[in-house]
Amino acid sequence: MIIDNFLSQKDWDYCYEYFKQGYWQFPNLSGIQGNQGWRIFNPEVENNIGRVLYSALSKHNLKPYAIKRVGINGATTLNESHLHRDGPPGDLSLIWFASKDWDKSYGGNLKVYTKNSLTEPTIIEYNSNRAVIFDSNLLHIPDTPSVKNILRITVGLHLTPASEWNYQYIPRDN
């Protein structure tokens, strides 16, 4: 599912203020090779941005989901990513494309591999303020931007089925 104009301008501006601050880190993630990119691991920021995205998602015609993880990621031209799954079947991934004023020529698309095709991915164009929702068990990988000094910002929510919509942030343990 693709939802364009996912957040209101007010909510997007609220989230974007965090991206302009000094929260970004360039961590060495254990067990992963290569230059993995920028991350925001601040629990307060994850909680606040996660709450905004979760609230926007709960307005759509989906059964209720609970938050398992909030991930805030940034990538530049020389970053590498890896093909990965976010969770087990039945869970959902929401990836919000958060960079403003993104131009198609910058690239940064998302490739999602369906269960029917592990060779030909579905390519989802990176459009500012777009949310992409898919089964967390599907393999996916982002393309890095093709232009230097451009930060491709995404926020990911890992969601699991729940009995009701009720945001409760769980800080990561690493």
C-alpha atoms as a PDB file:
ATOM      1  CA  MET A   1       0.000   0.000   0.000  1.00  0.00           C
ATOM      2  CA  ILE A   2       1.293   3.461  -0.895  1.00  0.00           C
ATOM      3  CA  ILE A   3      -0.083   6.580   0.783  1.00  0.00           C
ATOM      4  CA  ASP A   4       1.063   9.891  -0.672  1.00  0.00           C
ATOM      5  CA  ASN A   5       0.857  13.084   1.396  1.00  0.00           C
ATOM      6  CA  PHE A   6       0.929  10.853   4.451  1.00  0.00           C
ATOM      7  CA  LEU A   7       1.417  13.583   7.050  1.00  0.00           C
ATOM      8  CA  SER A   8      -0.156  17.006   7.238  1.00  0.00           C
ATOM      9  CA  GLN A   9       2.282  19.836   6.617  1.00  0.00           C
ATOM     10  CA  LYS A  10       2.154  20.697  10.327  1.00  0.00           C
ATOM     11  CA  ASP A  11       3.072  17.127  11.381  1.00  0.00           C
ATOM     12  CA  TRP A  12       5.769  16.863   8.729  1.00  0.00           C
ATOM     13  CA  ASP A  13       7.323  20.150   9.871  1.00  0.00           C
ATOM     14  CA  TYR A  14       7.202  18.909  13.470  1.00  0.00           C
ATOM     15  CA  CYS A  15       9.145  15.744  12.536  1.00  0.00           C
ATOM     16  CA  TYR A  16      11.526  17.611  10.265  1.00  0.00           C
ATOM     17  CA  GLU A  17      12.649  19.905  13.099  1.00  0.00           C
ATOM     18  CA  TYR A  18      14.183  16.829  14.762  1.00  0.00           C
ATOM     19  CA  PHE A  19      16.059  15.936  11.567  1.00  0.00           C
ATOM     20  CA  LYS A  20      17.720  19.372  11.537  1.00  0.00           C
ATOM     21  CA  GLN A  21      19.118  18.925  15.049  1.00  0.00           C
ATOM     22  CA  GLY A  22      22.318  17.200  16.181  1.00  0.00           C
ATOM     23  CA  TYR A  23      20.739  13.792  16.863  1.00  0.00           C
ATOM     24  CA  TRP A  24      22.299  11.998  13.873  1.00  0.00           C
ATOM     25  CA  GLN A  25      24.914   9.287  14.514  1.00  0.00           C
ATOM     26  CA  PHE A  26      27.036   7.249  12.153  1.00  0.00           C
ATOM     27  CA  PRO A  27      27.070   3.987  14.117  1.00  0.00           C
ATOM     28  CA  ASN A  28      28.924   0.773  13.487  1.00  0.00           C
ATOM     29  CA  LEU A  29      26.060  -1.722  13.616  1.00  0.00           C
ATOM     30  CA  SER A  30      27.109  -5.085  14.995  1.00  0.00           C
ATOM     31  CA  GLY A  31      27.057  -7.987  12.590  1.00  0.00           C
ATOM     32  CA  ILE A  32      26.590  -5.792   9.514  1.00  0.00           C
ATOM     33  CA  GLN A  33      29.401  -5.131   7.063  1.00  0.00           C
ATOM     34  CA  GLY A  34      29.981  -1.824   5.302  1.00  0.00           C
ATOM     35  CA  ASN A  35      29.061   1.802   5.676  1.00  0.00           C
ATOM     36  CA  GLN A  36      25.463   1.532   6.905  1.00  0.00           C
ATOM     37  CA  GLY A  37      24.546   5.210   7.052  1.00  0.00           C
ATOM     38  CA  TRP A  38      23.136   7.677   9.520  1.00  0.00           C
ATOM     39  CA  ARG A  39      20.758   6.885  12.380  1.00  0.00           C
ATOM     40  CA  ILE A  40      18.888   8.666  15.144  1.00  0.00           C
ATOM     41  CA  PHE A  41      18.787   6.432  18.224  1.00  0.00           C
ATOM     42  CA  ASN A  42      17.446   9.005  20.693  1.00  0.00           C
ATOM     43  CA  PRO A  43      14.439   7.433  22.502  1.00  0.00           C
ATOM     44  CA  GLU A  44      12.624  10.765  22.906  1.00  0.00           C
ATOM     45  CA  VAL A  45      12.939  11.543  19.190  1.00  0.00           C
ATOM     46  CA  GLU A  46      11.923   8.000  18.192  1.00  0.00           C
ATOM     47  CA  ASN A  47       8.919   8.200  20.519  1.00  0.00           C
ATOM     48  CA  ASN A  48       7.743  11.616  19.316  1.00  0.00           C
ATOM     49  CA  ILE A  49       8.130  10.910  15.608  1.00  0.00           C
ATOM     50  CA  GLY A  50       6.751   7.391  15.994  1.00  0.00           C
ATOM     51  CA  ARG A  51       3.654   8.792  17.695  1.00  0.00           C
ATOM     52  CA  VAL A  52       3.002  11.215  14.799  1.00  0.00           C
ATOM     53  CA  LEU A  53       3.344   8.483  12.158  1.00  0.00           C
ATOM     54  CA  TYR A  54       1.303   6.011  14.190  1.00  0.00           C
ATOM     55  CA  SER A  55      -1.493   8.559  14.593  1.00  0.00           C
ATOM     56  CA  ALA A  56      -1.560   9.193  10.834  1.00  0.00           C
ATOM     57  CA  LEU A  57      -1.623   5.446  10.105  1.00  0.00           C
ATOM     58  CA  SER A  58      -4.466   4.784  12.547  1.00  0.00           C
ATOM     59  CA  LYS A  59      -6.728   7.031  10.442  1.00  0.00           C
ATOM     60  CA  HIS A  60      -6.557   4.582   7.533  1.00  0.00           C
ATOM     61  CA  ASN A  61      -8.824   1.600   7.115  1.00  0.00           C
ATOM     62  CA  LEU A  62      -6.531  -1.030   8.633  1.00  0.00           C
ATOM     63  CA  LYS A  63      -7.012  -3.424  11.509  1.00  0.00           C
ATOM     64  CA  PRO A  64      -5.232  -2.222  14.671  1.00  0.00           C
ATOM     65  CA  TYR A  65      -1.463  -2.537  15.022  1.00  0.00           C
ATOM     66  CA  ALA A  66       0.976  -1.937  17.850  1.00  0.00           C
ATOM     67  CA  ILE A  67       4.488  -0.495  17.595  1.00  0.00           C
ATOM     68  CA  LYS A  68       7.430  -2.860  17.950  1.00  0.00           C
ATOM     69  CA  ARG A  69      10.172  -0.521  16.739  1.00  0.00           C
ATOM     70  CA  VAL A  70      10.778   2.964  15.367  1.00  0.00           C
ATOM     71  CA  GLY A  71      13.821   3.419  13.112  1.00  0.00           C
ATOM     72  CA  ILE A  72      15.061   6.768  11.829  1.00  0.00           C
ATOM     73  CA  ASN A  73      17.548   6.407   8.971  1.00  0.00           C
ATOM     74  CA  GLY A  74      19.572   8.659   6.712  1.00  0.00           C
ATOM     75  CA  ALA A  75      21.602   7.723   3.666  1.00  0.00           C
ATOM     76  CA  THR A  76      23.988   9.542   1.368  1.00  0.00           C
ATOM     77  CA  THR A  77      25.634   8.479  -1.878  1.00  0.00           C
ATOM     78  CA  LEU A  78      28.383   6.330  -0.389  1.00  0.00           C
ATOM     79  CA  ASN A  79      26.259   4.474   2.155  1.00  0.00           C
ATOM     80  CA  GLU A  80      25.573   0.809   1.661  1.00  0.00           C
ATOM     81  CA  SER A  81      22.461  -0.990   2.696  1.00  0.00           C
ATOM     82  CA  HIS A  82      21.613  -4.655   2.790  1.00  0.00           C
ATOM     83  CA  LEU A  83      18.698  -6.815   1.762  1.00  0.00           C
ATOM     84  CA  HIS A  84      16.679  -7.508   4.901  1.00  0.00           C
ATOM     85  CA  ARG A  85      13.367  -8.345   6.534  1.00  0.00           C
ATOM     86  CA  ASP A  86      11.937  -6.258   9.355  1.00  0.00           C
ATOM     87  CA  GLY A  87       9.860  -8.948  11.071  1.00  0.00           C
ATOM     88  CA  PRO A  88       7.812 -12.137  10.858  1.00  0.00           C
ATOM     89  CA  PRO A  89       4.829 -12.787   8.551  1.00  0.00           C
ATOM     90  CA  GLY A  90       1.719 -10.937   9.701  1.00  0.00           C
ATOM     91  CA  ASP A  91       3.635  -7.929  10.987  1.00  0.00           C
ATOM     92  CA  LEU A  92       3.754  -4.773   8.869  1.00  0.00           C
ATOM     93  CA  SER A  93       6.500  -2.362   7.926  1.00  0.00           C
ATOM     94  CA  LEU A  94       5.699   1.265   7.316  1.00  0.00           C
ATOM     95  CA  ILE A  95       8.437   3.284   5.663  1.00  0.00           C
ATOM     96  CA  TRP A  96       7.876   7.025   5.462  1.00  0.00           C
ATOM     97  CA  PHE A  97       9.956   9.017   2.963  1.00  0.00           C
ATOM     98  CA  ALA A  98      10.756  12.104   5.047  1.00  0.00           C
ATOM     99  CA  SER A  99      13.189  14.207   2.979  1.00  0.00           C
ATOM    100  CA  LYS A 100      11.717  17.470   1.743  1.00  0.00           C
ATOM    101  CA  ASP A 101      12.110  18.821  -1.796  1.00  0.00           C
ATOM    102  CA  TRP A 102      13.223  15.450  -3.174  1.00  0.00           C
ATOM    103  CA  ASP A 103      13.836  15.329  -6.916  1.00  0.00           C
ATOM    104  CA  LYS A 104      13.354  12.089  -8.906  1.00  0.00           C
ATOM    105  CA  SER A 105      16.871  12.465 -10.293  1.00  0.00           C
ATOM    106  CA  TYR A 106      18.267  11.872  -6.784  1.00  0.00           C
ATOM    107  CA  GLY A 107      17.160   8.216  -6.878  1.00  0.00           C
ATOM    108  CA  GLY A 108      16.767   6.662  -3.446  1.00  0.00           C
ATOM    109  CA  ASN A 109      13.962   4.299  -4.454  1.00  0.00           C
ATOM    110  CA  LEU A 110      12.857   1.345  -2.347  1.00  0.00           C
ATOM    111  CA  LYS A 111      13.001  -2.184  -3.756  1.00  0.00           C
ATOM    112  CA  VAL A 112      10.576  -4.687  -2.238  1.00  0.00           C
ATOM    113  CA  TYR A 113      10.746  -8.352  -3.241  1.00  0.00           C
ATOM    114  CA  THR A 114       7.424 -10.123  -3.217  1.00  0.00           C
ATOM    115  CA  LYS A 115       7.026 -13.781  -2.363  1.00  0.00           C
ATOM    116  CA  ASN A 116       6.274 -14.407  -6.028  1.00  0.00           C
ATOM    117  CA  SER A 117       9.445 -12.803  -7.332  1.00  0.00           C
ATOM    118  CA  LEU A 118      12.791 -12.886  -5.615  1.00  0.00           C
ATOM    119  CA  THR A 119      14.526 -11.723  -8.777  1.00  0.00           C
ATOM    120  CA  GLU A 120      12.367  -8.804  -9.938  1.00  0.00           C
ATOM    121  CA  PRO A 121      11.592  -6.362  -7.123  1.00  0.00           C
ATOM    122  CA  THR A 122       8.755  -3.906  -7.010  1.00  0.00           C
ATOM    123  CA  ILE A 123      10.424  -0.516  -7.232  1.00  0.00           C
ATOM    124  CA  ILE A 124       8.747   2.207  -5.218  1.00  0.00           C
ATOM    125  CA  GLU A 125       9.850   5.682  -6.179  1.00  0.00           C
ATOM    126  CA  TYR A 126      11.057   7.898  -3.376  1.00  0.00           C
ATOM    127  CA  ASN A 127       8.534  10.750  -3.197  1.00  0.00           C
ATOM    128  CA  SER A 128       8.613  13.169  -0.297  1.00  0.00           C
ATOM    129  CA  ASN A 129       5.960  12.504   2.363  1.00  0.00           C
ATOM    130  CA  ARG A 130       5.046   9.074   0.966  1.00  0.00           C
ATOM    131  CA  ALA A 131       4.353   6.126   3.241  1.00  0.00           C
ATOM    132  CA  VAL A 132       4.848   2.574   2.010  1.00  0.00           C
ATOM    133  CA  ILE A 133       3.234  -0.267   3.945  1.00  0.00           C
ATOM    134  CA  PHE A 134       4.065  -3.930   3.311  1.00  0.00           C
ATOM    135  CA  ASP A 135       4.439  -7.293   5.045  1.00  0.00           C
ATOM    136  CA  SER A 136       7.487  -7.079   7.339  1.00  0.00           C
ATOM    137  CA  ASN A 137       8.642 -10.488   6.156  1.00  0.00           C
ATOM    138  CA  LEU A 138       9.258  -9.275   2.597  1.00  0.00           C
ATOM    139  CA  LEU A 139      12.869  -8.697   1.639  1.00  0.00           C
ATOM    140  CA  HIS A 140      13.602  -5.071   0.805  1.00  0.00           C
ATOM    141  CA  ILE A 141      16.521  -2.719   0.213  1.00  0.00           C
ATOM    142  CA  PRO A 142      16.751   1.027  -0.316  1.00  0.00           C
ATOM    143  CA  ASP A 143      18.768   2.603  -3.093  1.00  0.00           C
ATOM    144  CA  THR A 144      21.118   5.320  -1.917  1.00  0.00           C
ATOM    145  CA  PRO A 145      20.863   8.797  -3.432  1.00  0.00           C
ATOM    146  CA  SER A 146      22.697   9.305  -6.705  1.00  0.00           C
ATOM    147  CA  VAL A 147      23.644  12.906  -5.870  1.00  0.00           C
ATOM    148  CA  LYS A 148      26.363  13.863  -3.386  1.00  0.00           C
ATOM    149  CA  ASN A 149      25.501  15.801  -0.226  1.00  0.00           C
ATOM    150  CA  ILE A 150      21.815  14.849  -0.306  1.00  0.00           C
ATOM    151  CA  LEU A 151      20.384  13.024   2.724  1.00  0.00           C
ATOM    152  CA  ARG A 152      17.680  10.448   2.021  1.00  0.00           C
ATOM    153  CA  ILE A 153      15.650  10.362   5.241  1.00  0.00           C
ATOM    154  CA  THR A 154      13.258   7.551   6.091  1.00  0.00           C
ATOM    155  CA  VAL A 155      11.404   6.584   9.226  1.00  0.00           C
ATOM    156  CA  GLY A 156      10.361   2.979   9.629  1.00  0.00           C
ATOM    157  CA  LEU A 157       7.728   1.576  11.921  1.00  0.00           C
ATOM    158  CA  HIS A 158       7.651  -2.136  12.649  1.00  0.00           C
ATOM    159  CA  LEU A 159       4.058  -2.980  13.528  1.00  0.00           C
ATOM    160  CA  THR A 160       2.436  -6.082  14.951  1.00  0.00           C
ATOM    161  CA  PRO A 161      -1.300  -6.953  15.084  1.00  0.00           C
ATOM    162  CA  ALA A 162      -3.113  -5.666  18.181  1.00  0.00           C
ATOM    163  CA  SER A 163      -6.615  -5.619  19.635  1.00  0.00           C
ATOM    164  CA  GLU A 164      -6.859  -1.817  19.387  1.00  0.00           C
ATOM    165  CA  TRP A 165      -5.019   1.285  18.196  1.00  0.00           C
ATOM    166  CA  ASN A 166      -3.012   2.423  21.211  1.00  0.00           C
ATOM    167  CA  TYR A 167       0.465   3.906  20.805  1.00  0.00           C
ATOM    168  CA  GLN A 168       2.988   2.631  23.317  1.00  0.00           C
ATOM    169  CA  TYR A 169       6.610   3.254  22.415  1.00  0.00           C
ATOM    170  CA  ILE A 170       9.077   0.520  23.391  1.00  0.00           C
ATOM    171  CA  PRO A 171      12.682   1.793  23.398  1.00  0.00           C
ATOM    172  CA  ARG A 172      15.147  -0.420  21.566  1.00  0.00           C
ATOM    173  CA  ASP A 173      17.556  -2.366  23.730  1.00  0.00           C
ATOM    174  CA  ASN A 174      20.637  -1.626  21.628  1.00  0.00           C
END
